[in-house]
Amino acid sequence: MTEAITAPNTIKRHRSARFVLPKDIIIPPLPASITIVEPTIAHHAATVLRLKPNTHLTLIHTSLETSYLAKVLDISTKSLTLEIVSQDDAVSDGLPHITIMAALIKGPRWDWLLQKTTELGVRTIQPIITQRTVVKTEEWQNKLPRWQDITRAAVEQCDGRFLPTILEPSPLNQATKGITNDTLNLVMMERGEGRISIAQALGVQRSTKGALPEAVCIVVGPEGGLTTEELESLVSQGFQAIHYGRRILKAETAAIACLSGIVAIYDEGHDEGTLS
């Protein structure tokens, strides 16, 4: 008697078991078995999630921006052996390439910014040093592994498909040199004339070019905001000053609010079929 085959899309996955694959793992032709020996993944799977053999989970391959359905074959605190059953269908989130240029802020607030911007689909995180930045950047390379751990955990949490690139902290005037003319460049501005809403900024781009932009860059200042000199420099480079309502937001809140607005607008545009 032939054993019934269950279709991958009918298999129930563990709702919290999503892991970003280590970069050195190569996926062979499917179906295939792999063993993950990265301690953090194996330990989390065995002791936190307490996964058992035959449990199905999601593997995220951030380089290919895809995910897989996998089944646990063997598990311990040191290794995790899986059978990769199938590759998930590719689904675009409809978002542009978003770069966030955020002034470094202290401790947990910066960690929170990294986590939430990753969940909202940012592609590139450029820490910037402004005139009012008070965070020391000499030891940023020692902090990079932690920053990457935060973004990886955020991708797993939100079922993302890619990891944002975290660039080396750079002075604001140097960071903006690499921005192309095809990018819609925005800067969050607390007060002053010439500001428009995020919706207006995207609407202007859509009305002149017929579609929402494929790349967006947002500059967010530190505690105390950007100086008048910095704002004038950005505007002279083609950055549009924007606001998010009448309230004065903290640096990390401003970044999240701006990204949330962009995601909402692109989500609506995606549903309407206005995105290329």
C-alpha atoms as a PDB file:
ATOM      1  CA  MET A   1       0.000   0.000   0.000  1.00  0.00           C
ATOM      2  CA  THR A   2       1.442   3.368  -1.048  1.00  0.00           C
ATOM      3  CA  GLU A   3       2.004   5.929   1.713  1.00  0.00           C
ATOM      4  CA  ALA A   4       0.009   9.118   1.236  1.00  0.00           C
ATOM      5  CA  ILE A   5       2.057  12.199   0.394  1.00  0.00           C
ATOM      6  CA  THR A   6       1.124  15.417   2.168  1.00  0.00           C
ATOM      7  CA  ALA A   7       1.355  18.585   0.078  1.00  0.00           C
ATOM      8  CA  PRO A   8       3.810  21.151   1.543  1.00  0.00           C
ATOM      9  CA  ASN A   9       1.157  23.880   1.642  1.00  0.00           C
ATOM     10  CA  THR A  10      -1.042  21.766   3.908  1.00  0.00           C
ATOM     11  CA  ILE A  11       1.658  21.049   6.479  1.00  0.00           C
ATOM     12  CA  LYS A  12       1.323  22.934   9.757  1.00  0.00           C
ATOM     13  CA  ARG A  13       4.518  24.723  10.705  1.00  0.00           C
ATOM     14  CA  HIS A  14       5.597  25.606  14.217  1.00  0.00           C
ATOM     15  CA  ARG A  15       4.399  29.217  14.487  1.00  0.00           C
ATOM     16  CA  SER A  16       7.533  30.502  16.238  1.00  0.00           C
ATOM     17  CA  ALA A  17      10.173  28.319  14.574  1.00  0.00           C
ATOM     18  CA  ARG A  18      11.772  30.512  11.907  1.00  0.00           C
ATOM     19  CA  PHE A  19      15.539  30.560  11.494  1.00  0.00           C
ATOM     20  CA  VAL A  20      17.854  32.610   9.294  1.00  0.00           C
ATOM     21  CA  LEU A  21      20.276  30.175   7.690  1.00  0.00           C
ATOM     22  CA  PRO A  22      23.992  30.722   8.309  1.00  0.00           C
ATOM     23  CA  LYS A  23      25.632  32.278   5.247  1.00  0.00           C
ATOM     24  CA  ASP A  24      27.989  29.332   4.697  1.00  0.00           C
ATOM     25  CA  ILE A  25      25.186  26.807   4.172  1.00  0.00           C
ATOM     26  CA  ILE A  26      24.545  25.837   0.546  1.00  0.00           C
ATOM     27  CA  ILE A  27      21.126  24.431  -0.280  1.00  0.00           C
ATOM     28  CA  PRO A  28      21.414  21.263  -2.427  1.00  0.00           C
ATOM     29  CA  PRO A  29      18.671  20.164  -4.851  1.00  0.00           C
ATOM     30  CA  LEU A  30      15.448  19.405  -2.975  1.00  0.00           C
ATOM     31  CA  PRO A  31      14.438  17.394  -1.082  1.00  0.00           C
ATOM     32  CA  ALA A  32      17.691  17.473   0.876  1.00  0.00           C
ATOM     33  CA  SER A  33      19.086  17.158   4.377  1.00  0.00           C
ATOM     34  CA  ILE A  34      21.318  19.717   6.078  1.00  0.00           C
ATOM     35  CA  THR A  35      22.847  20.000   9.538  1.00  0.00           C
ATOM     36  CA  ILE A  36      23.134  23.359  11.293  1.00  0.00           C
ATOM     37  CA  VAL A  37      25.829  23.495  13.951  1.00  0.00           C
ATOM     38  CA  GLU A  38      25.566  27.183  14.815  1.00  0.00           C
ATOM     39  CA  PRO A  39      25.181  27.111  18.634  1.00  0.00           C
ATOM     40  CA  THR A  40      22.635  29.899  18.886  1.00  0.00           C
ATOM     41  CA  ILE A  41      20.211  28.242  16.458  1.00  0.00           C
ATOM     42  CA  ALA A  42      20.562  24.723  17.848  1.00  0.00           C
ATOM     43  CA  HIS A  43      20.301  25.876  21.462  1.00  0.00           C
ATOM     44  CA  HIS A  44      17.254  28.039  20.770  1.00  0.00           C
ATOM     45  CA  ALA A  45      15.515  25.256  18.857  1.00  0.00           C
ATOM     46  CA  ALA A  46      16.211  22.617  21.518  1.00  0.00           C
ATOM     47  CA  THR A  47      15.900  24.486  24.808  1.00  0.00           C
ATOM     48  CA  VAL A  48      13.671  27.501  24.106  1.00  0.00           C
ATOM     49  CA  LEU A  49      11.268  26.214  21.468  1.00  0.00           C
ATOM     50  CA  ARG A  50      11.750  22.581  22.521  1.00  0.00           C
ATOM     51  CA  LEU A  51      11.301  21.316  18.999  1.00  0.00           C
ATOM     52  CA  LYS A  52      10.871  17.596  18.447  1.00  0.00           C
ATOM     53  CA  PRO A  53      11.608  15.351  15.444  1.00  0.00           C
ATOM     54  CA  ASN A  54       8.995  15.651  12.679  1.00  0.00           C
ATOM     55  CA  THR A  55       8.206  19.259  13.637  1.00  0.00           C
ATOM     56  CA  HIS A  56       7.982  21.509  10.565  1.00  0.00           C
ATOM     57  CA  LEU A  57       9.562  24.956  10.539  1.00  0.00           C
ATOM     58  CA  THR A  58      10.659  27.794   8.266  1.00  0.00           C
ATOM     59  CA  LEU A  59      14.223  28.395   7.090  1.00  0.00           C
ATOM     60  CA  ILE A  60      15.065  31.854   5.722  1.00  0.00           C
ATOM     61  CA  HIS A  61      17.818  32.235   3.123  1.00  0.00           C
ATOM     62  CA  THR A  62      18.509  35.960   3.171  1.00  0.00           C
ATOM     63  CA  SER A  63      21.022  35.942   0.297  1.00  0.00           C
ATOM     64  CA  LEU A  64      18.433  34.418  -2.039  1.00  0.00           C
ATOM     65  CA  GLU A  65      15.585  36.289  -0.308  1.00  0.00           C
ATOM     66  CA  THR A  66      13.543  33.128  -0.072  1.00  0.00           C
ATOM     67  CA  SER A  67      12.373  30.620   2.526  1.00  0.00           C
ATOM     68  CA  TYR A  68      11.941  26.869   2.815  1.00  0.00           C
ATOM     69  CA  LEU A  69       9.708  24.386   4.555  1.00  0.00           C
ATOM     70  CA  ALA A  70      11.842  21.994   6.615  1.00  0.00           C
ATOM     71  CA  LYS A  71      11.257  19.072   8.955  1.00  0.00           C
ATOM     72  CA  VAL A  72      13.313  18.290  12.055  1.00  0.00           C
ATOM     73  CA  LEU A  73      15.131  14.959  11.748  1.00  0.00           C
ATOM     74  CA  ASP A  74      17.423  15.197  14.754  1.00  0.00           C
ATOM     75  CA  ILE A  75      17.966  17.851  17.387  1.00  0.00           C
ATOM     76  CA  SER A  76      20.328  18.629  20.260  1.00  0.00           C
ATOM     77  CA  THR A  77      21.713  21.735  21.901  1.00  0.00           C
ATOM     78  CA  LYS A  78      24.726  21.537  19.566  1.00  0.00           C
ATOM     79  CA  SER A  79      23.227  20.667  16.188  1.00  0.00           C
ATOM     80  CA  LEU A  80      20.009  20.632  14.223  1.00  0.00           C
ATOM     81  CA  THR A  81      19.510  18.203  11.340  1.00  0.00           C
ATOM     82  CA  LEU A  82      16.697  19.062   8.958  1.00  0.00           C
ATOM     83  CA  GLU A  83      15.079  17.751   5.822  1.00  0.00           C
ATOM     84  CA  ILE A  84      14.268  20.632   3.477  1.00  0.00           C
ATOM     85  CA  VAL A  85      10.960  19.680   1.942  1.00  0.00           C
ATOM     86  CA  SER A  86      10.230  22.525  -0.444  1.00  0.00           C
ATOM     87  CA  GLN A  87      10.940  26.133  -1.343  1.00  0.00           C
ATOM     88  CA  ASP A  88       8.233  28.667  -0.587  1.00  0.00           C
ATOM     89  CA  ASP A  89       6.657  30.698  -3.347  1.00  0.00           C
ATOM     90  CA  ALA A  90       8.318  34.073  -3.861  1.00  0.00           C
ATOM     91  CA  VAL A  91       6.164  36.910  -2.558  1.00  0.00           C
ATOM     92  CA  SER A  92       7.238  40.541  -2.962  1.00  0.00           C
ATOM     93  CA  ASP A  93       6.440  42.932  -0.141  1.00  0.00           C
ATOM     94  CA  GLY A  94       5.995  45.699  -2.691  1.00  0.00           C
ATOM     95  CA  LEU A  95       8.354  48.064  -0.876  1.00  0.00           C
ATOM     96  CA  PRO A  96      11.087  50.226  -2.374  1.00  0.00           C
ATOM     97  CA  HIS A  97      14.750  49.954  -1.444  1.00  0.00           C
ATOM     98  CA  ILE A  98      14.631  51.899   1.826  1.00  0.00           C
ATOM     99  CA  THR A  99      17.768  53.417   3.321  1.00  0.00           C
ATOM    100  CA  ILE A 100      17.541  54.876   6.802  1.00  0.00           C
ATOM    101  CA  MET A 101      20.289  57.336   7.743  1.00  0.00           C
ATOM    102  CA  ALA A 102      19.857  57.565  11.473  1.00  0.00           C
ATOM    103  CA  ALA A 103      22.010  59.508  13.879  1.00  0.00           C
ATOM    104  CA  LEU A 104      23.461  57.209  16.528  1.00  0.00           C
ATOM    105  CA  ILE A 105      21.566  57.379  19.805  1.00  0.00           C
ATOM    106  CA  LYS A 106      22.282  55.823  23.165  1.00  0.00           C
ATOM    107  CA  GLY A 107      22.010  52.167  24.166  1.00  0.00           C
ATOM    108  CA  PRO A 108      18.634  50.425  24.141  1.00  0.00           C
ATOM    109  CA  ARG A 109      17.046  53.130  22.017  1.00  0.00           C
ATOM    110  CA  TRP A 110      19.446  52.377  19.147  1.00  0.00           C
ATOM    111  CA  ASP A 111      18.828  48.644  19.534  1.00  0.00           C
ATOM    112  CA  TRP A 112      15.083  49.293  19.373  1.00  0.00           C
ATOM    113  CA  LEU A 113      15.522  51.385  16.218  1.00  0.00           C
ATOM    114  CA  LEU A 114      17.488  48.564  14.551  1.00  0.00           C
ATOM    115  CA  GLN A 115      14.841  46.011  15.465  1.00  0.00           C
ATOM    116  CA  LYS A 116      11.812  47.981  14.345  1.00  0.00           C
ATOM    117  CA  THR A 117      13.269  49.356  11.108  1.00  0.00           C
ATOM    118  CA  THR A 118      14.215  45.794  10.157  1.00  0.00           C
ATOM    119  CA  GLU A 119      10.676  44.588  10.859  1.00  0.00           C
ATOM    120  CA  LEU A 120       9.349  47.365   8.617  1.00  0.00           C
ATOM    121  CA  GLY A 121      11.498  46.339   5.645  1.00  0.00           C
ATOM    122  CA  VAL A 122      14.500  48.689   5.614  1.00  0.00           C
ATOM    123  CA  ARG A 123      17.249  47.518   3.247  1.00  0.00           C
ATOM    124  CA  THR A 124      20.185  49.649   4.361  1.00  0.00           C
ATOM    125  CA  ILE A 125      20.945  51.132   7.768  1.00  0.00           C
ATOM    126  CA  GLN A 126      23.499  53.931   7.700  1.00  0.00           C
ATOM    127  CA  PRO A 127      24.433  55.173  11.184  1.00  0.00           C
ATOM    128  CA  ILE A 128      25.389  58.830  10.883  1.00  0.00           C
ATOM    129  CA  ILE A 129      27.380  61.225  13.006  1.00  0.00           C
ATOM    130  CA  THR A 130      25.923  64.715  13.246  1.00  0.00           C
ATOM    131  CA  GLN A 131      26.899  67.883  15.067  1.00  0.00           C
ATOM    132  CA  ARG A 132      24.700  66.931  18.020  1.00  0.00           C
ATOM    133  CA  THR A 133      25.574  63.226  18.135  1.00  0.00           C
ATOM    134  CA  VAL A 134      26.869  62.320  21.590  1.00  0.00           C
ATOM    135  CA  VAL A 135      27.495  58.588  21.084  1.00  0.00           C
ATOM    136  CA  LYS A 136      31.134  57.530  20.710  1.00  0.00           C
ATOM    137  CA  THR A 137      31.827  55.572  17.528  1.00  0.00           C
ATOM    138  CA  GLU A 138      35.404  54.386  18.088  1.00  0.00           C
ATOM    139  CA  GLU A 139      34.322  50.878  19.081  1.00  0.00           C
ATOM    140  CA  TRP A 140      31.471  50.442  16.605  1.00  0.00           C
ATOM    141  CA  GLN A 141      33.069  47.292  15.096  1.00  0.00           C
ATOM    142  CA  ASN A 142      32.815  45.593  18.507  1.00  0.00           C
ATOM    143  CA  LYS A 143      29.111  46.422  18.536  1.00  0.00           C
ATOM    144  CA  LEU A 144      28.436  45.267  14.960  1.00  0.00           C
ATOM    145  CA  PRO A 145      27.914  41.564  15.865  1.00  0.00           C
ATOM    146  CA  ARG A 146      25.258  42.610  18.385  1.00  0.00           C
ATOM    147  CA  TRP A 147      23.593  44.876  15.845  1.00  0.00           C
ATOM    148  CA  GLN A 148      23.532  42.006  13.348  1.00  0.00           C
ATOM    149  CA  ASP A 149      22.066  39.662  15.973  1.00  0.00           C
ATOM    150  CA  ILE A 150      19.277  42.164  16.597  1.00  0.00           C
ATOM    151  CA  THR A 151      18.402  42.474  12.911  1.00  0.00           C
ATOM    152  CA  ARG A 152      18.567  38.703  12.378  1.00  0.00           C
ATOM    153  CA  ALA A 153      16.178  38.081  15.279  1.00  0.00           C
ATOM    154  CA  ALA A 154      13.864  40.770  13.872  1.00  0.00           C
ATOM    155  CA  VAL A 155      13.798  39.072  10.455  1.00  0.00           C
ATOM    156  CA  GLU A 156      12.883  35.766  12.100  1.00  0.00           C
ATOM    157  CA  GLN A 157      10.193  37.430  14.184  1.00  0.00           C
ATOM    158  CA  CYS A 158       8.487  39.203  11.271  1.00  0.00           C
ATOM    159  CA  ASP A 159       8.971  36.364   8.752  1.00  0.00           C
ATOM    160  CA  GLY A 160      11.148  38.564   6.563  1.00  0.00           C
ATOM    161  CA  ARG A 161      13.249  37.387   3.637  1.00  0.00           C
ATOM    162  CA  PHE A 162      16.334  39.601   3.781  1.00  0.00           C
ATOM    163  CA  LEU A 163      18.730  41.146   6.273  1.00  0.00           C
ATOM    164  CA  PRO A 164      19.424  44.866   6.108  1.00  0.00           C
ATOM    165  CA  THR A 165      22.975  45.946   5.388  1.00  0.00           C
ATOM    166  CA  ILE A 166      24.456  47.857   8.330  1.00  0.00           C
ATOM    167  CA  LEU A 167      27.098  50.314   7.140  1.00  0.00           C
ATOM    168  CA  GLU A 168      29.984  51.863   9.027  1.00  0.00           C
ATOM    169  CA  PRO A 169      29.041  55.010  10.974  1.00  0.00           C
ATOM    170  CA  SER A 170      29.845  58.031   8.849  1.00  0.00           C
ATOM    171  CA  PRO A 171      29.617  61.823   9.149  1.00  0.00           C
ATOM    172  CA  LEU A 172      26.374  63.081   7.644  1.00  0.00           C
ATOM    173  CA  ASN A 173      28.052  65.039   4.838  1.00  0.00           C
ATOM    174  CA  GLN A 174      29.950  61.931   3.716  1.00  0.00           C
ATOM    175  CA  ALA A 175      27.021  59.524   4.031  1.00  0.00           C
ATOM    176  CA  THR A 176      24.860  61.495   1.597  1.00  0.00           C
ATOM    177  CA  LYS A 177      27.459  61.494  -1.180  1.00  0.00           C
ATOM    178  CA  GLY A 178      26.518  58.005  -2.339  1.00  0.00           C
ATOM    179  CA  ILE A 179      22.821  58.738  -2.828  1.00  0.00           C
ATOM    180  CA  THR A 180      21.719  58.632  -6.466  1.00  0.00           C
ATOM    181  CA  ASN A 181      19.324  60.942  -8.279  1.00  0.00           C
ATOM    182  CA  ASP A 182      16.858  58.082  -8.704  1.00  0.00           C
ATOM    183  CA  THR A 183      16.293  57.986  -4.947  1.00  0.00           C
ATOM    184  CA  LEU A 184      13.558  59.983  -3.248  1.00  0.00           C
ATOM    185  CA  ASN A 185      15.518  61.723  -0.487  1.00  0.00           C
ATOM    186  CA  LEU A 186      13.695  62.808   2.652  1.00  0.00           C
ATOM    187  CA  VAL A 187      14.751  64.360   5.951  1.00  0.00           C
ATOM    188  CA  MET A 188      12.639  64.433   9.106  1.00  0.00           C
ATOM    189  CA  MET A 189      12.355  68.034  10.321  1.00  0.00           C
ATOM    190  CA  GLU A 190      10.728  68.979  13.634  1.00  0.00           C
ATOM    191  CA  ARG A 191       9.823  72.573  12.858  1.00  0.00           C
ATOM    192  CA  GLY A 192      10.081  75.168  10.156  1.00  0.00           C
ATOM    193  CA  GLU A 193       8.664  76.109   6.784  1.00  0.00           C
ATOM    194  CA  GLY A 194       8.913  74.033   3.648  1.00  0.00           C
ATOM    195  CA  ARG A 195       7.968  70.750   5.301  1.00  0.00           C
ATOM    196  CA  ILE A 196       5.408  68.457   3.743  1.00  0.00           C
ATOM    197  CA  SER A 197       3.889  65.173   4.837  1.00  0.00           C
ATOM    198  CA  ILE A 198       5.243  61.779   3.797  1.00  0.00           C
ATOM    199  CA  ALA A 199       2.119  61.186   1.719  1.00  0.00           C
ATOM    200  CA  GLN A 200       2.643  64.506  -0.071  1.00  0.00           C
ATOM    201  CA  ALA A 201       6.307  63.715  -0.774  1.00  0.00           C
ATOM    202  CA  LEU A 202       5.437  60.363  -2.306  1.00  0.00           C
ATOM    203  CA  GLY A 203       2.468  61.891  -4.139  1.00  0.00           C
ATOM    204  CA  VAL A 204       4.697  64.512  -5.779  1.00  0.00           C
ATOM    205  CA  GLN A 205       7.043  61.760  -6.974  1.00  0.00           C
ATOM    206  CA  ARG A 206       4.141  59.702  -8.293  1.00  0.00           C
ATOM    207  CA  SER A 207       2.531  62.646 -10.124  1.00  0.00           C
ATOM    208  CA  THR A 208       5.782  63.616 -11.887  1.00  0.00           C
ATOM    209  CA  LYS A 209       7.065  60.127 -12.752  1.00  0.00           C
ATOM    210  CA  GLY A 210       3.866  58.105 -12.875  1.00  0.00           C
ATOM    211  CA  ALA A 211       4.761  55.628 -10.157  1.00  0.00           C
ATOM    212  CA  LEU A 212       5.950  55.441  -6.598  1.00  0.00           C
ATOM    213  CA  PRO A 213       9.756  55.637  -6.324  1.00  0.00           C
ATOM    214  CA  GLU A 214      11.794  52.423  -6.286  1.00  0.00           C
ATOM    215  CA  ALA A 215      14.254  53.807  -3.737  1.00  0.00           C
ATOM    216  CA  VAL A 216      13.730  56.040  -0.697  1.00  0.00           C
ATOM    217  CA  CYS A 217      16.313  57.483   1.695  1.00  0.00           C
ATOM    218  CA  ILE A 218      15.293  58.981   5.039  1.00  0.00           C
ATOM    219  CA  VAL A 219      17.559  61.050   7.282  1.00  0.00           C
ATOM    220  CA  VAL A 220      16.673  61.162  10.971  1.00  0.00           C
ATOM    221  CA  GLY A 221      18.636  63.329  13.389  1.00  0.00           C
ATOM    222  CA  PRO A 222      19.794  62.695  16.974  1.00  0.00           C
ATOM    223  CA  GLU A 223      18.494  63.895  20.310  1.00  0.00           C
ATOM    224  CA  GLY A 224      18.057  67.624  19.815  1.00  0.00           C
ATOM    225  CA  GLY A 225      17.612  67.233  16.068  1.00  0.00           C
ATOM    226  CA  LEU A 226      19.729  68.338  13.141  1.00  0.00           C
ATOM    227  CA  THR A 227      21.228  71.815  13.158  1.00  0.00           C
ATOM    228  CA  THR A 228      20.020  74.540  10.808  1.00  0.00           C
ATOM    229  CA  GLU A 229      23.297  74.243   8.911  1.00  0.00           C
ATOM    230  CA  GLU A 230      22.820  70.496   8.426  1.00  0.00           C
ATOM    231  CA  LEU A 231      19.223  70.885   7.297  1.00  0.00           C
ATOM    232  CA  GLU A 232      20.112  73.612   4.811  1.00  0.00           C
ATOM    233  CA  SER A 233      22.903  71.432   3.411  1.00  0.00           C
ATOM    234  CA  LEU A 234      20.529  68.485   2.946  1.00  0.00           C
ATOM    235  CA  VAL A 235      17.884  70.637   1.263  1.00  0.00           C
ATOM    236  CA  SER A 236      20.533  72.033  -1.104  1.00  0.00           C
ATOM    237  CA  GLN A 237      21.361  68.422  -2.043  1.00  0.00           C
ATOM    238  CA  GLY A 238      17.752  67.730  -2.991  1.00  0.00           C
ATOM    239  CA  PHE A 239      16.392  66.316   0.266  1.00  0.00           C
ATOM    240  CA  GLN A 240      12.754  67.146   0.926  1.00  0.00           C
ATOM    241  CA  ALA A 241      11.947  68.167   4.500  1.00  0.00           C
ATOM    242  CA  ILE A 242       9.028  66.154   5.871  1.00  0.00           C
ATOM    243  CA  HIS A 243       7.044  65.948   9.091  1.00  0.00           C
ATOM    244  CA  TYR A 244       4.877  63.352  10.765  1.00  0.00           C
ATOM    245  CA  GLY A 245       2.091  65.332  12.318  1.00  0.00           C
ATOM    246  CA  ARG A 246       2.340  68.225  14.745  1.00  0.00           C
ATOM    247  CA  ARG A 247       4.127  66.458  17.587  1.00  0.00           C
ATOM    248  CA  ILE A 248       7.850  66.535  18.255  1.00  0.00           C
ATOM    249  CA  LEU A 249       8.996  62.907  18.163  1.00  0.00           C
ATOM    250  CA  LYS A 250      12.033  61.268  19.691  1.00  0.00           C
ATOM    251  CA  ALA A 251      14.675  60.187  17.198  1.00  0.00           C
ATOM    252  CA  GLU A 252      13.792  56.490  17.247  1.00  0.00           C
ATOM    253  CA  THR A 253      10.046  57.222  17.177  1.00  0.00           C
ATOM    254  CA  ALA A 254      10.474  59.518  14.171  1.00  0.00           C
ATOM    255  CA  ALA A 255      12.258  56.790  12.225  1.00  0.00           C
ATOM    256  CA  ILE A 256       9.559  54.216  12.952  1.00  0.00           C
ATOM    257  CA  ALA A 257       6.700  56.630  12.266  1.00  0.00           C
ATOM    258  CA  CYS A 258       8.178  57.623   8.916  1.00  0.00           C
ATOM    259  CA  LEU A 259       8.758  54.031   7.847  1.00  0.00           C
ATOM    260  CA  SER A 260       5.283  53.001   8.970  1.00  0.00           C
ATOM    261  CA  GLY A 261       3.788  55.715   6.803  1.00  0.00           C
ATOM    262  CA  ILE A 262       5.809  54.607   3.787  1.00  0.00           C
ATOM    263  CA  VAL A 263       4.850  50.960   4.282  1.00  0.00           C
ATOM    264  CA  ALA A 264       1.163  51.885   4.493  1.00  0.00           C
ATOM    265  CA  ILE A 265       1.304  53.958   1.302  1.00  0.00           C
ATOM    266  CA  TYR A 266       3.165  51.289  -0.672  1.00  0.00           C
ATOM    267  CA  ASP A 267       0.873  48.581   0.608  1.00  0.00           C
ATOM    268  CA  GLU A 268      -2.128  50.520  -0.676  1.00  0.00           C
ATOM    269  CA  GLY A 269      -0.352  51.198  -3.975  1.00  0.00           C
ATOM    270  CA  HIS A 270       0.559  47.527  -4.326  1.00  0.00           C
ATOM    271  CA  ASP A 271      -3.077  46.511  -3.883  1.00  0.00           C
ATOM    272  CA  GLU A 272      -4.116  49.061  -6.494  1.00  0.00           C
ATOM    273  CA  GLY A 273      -1.597  47.667  -8.966  1.00  0.00           C
ATOM    274  CA  THR A 274       0.225  50.984  -9.326  1.00  0.00           C
ATOM    275  CA  LEU A 275       3.666  49.595  -8.545  1.00  0.00           C
ATOM    276  CA  SER A 276       5.849  48.291 -11.334  1.00  0.00           C
END
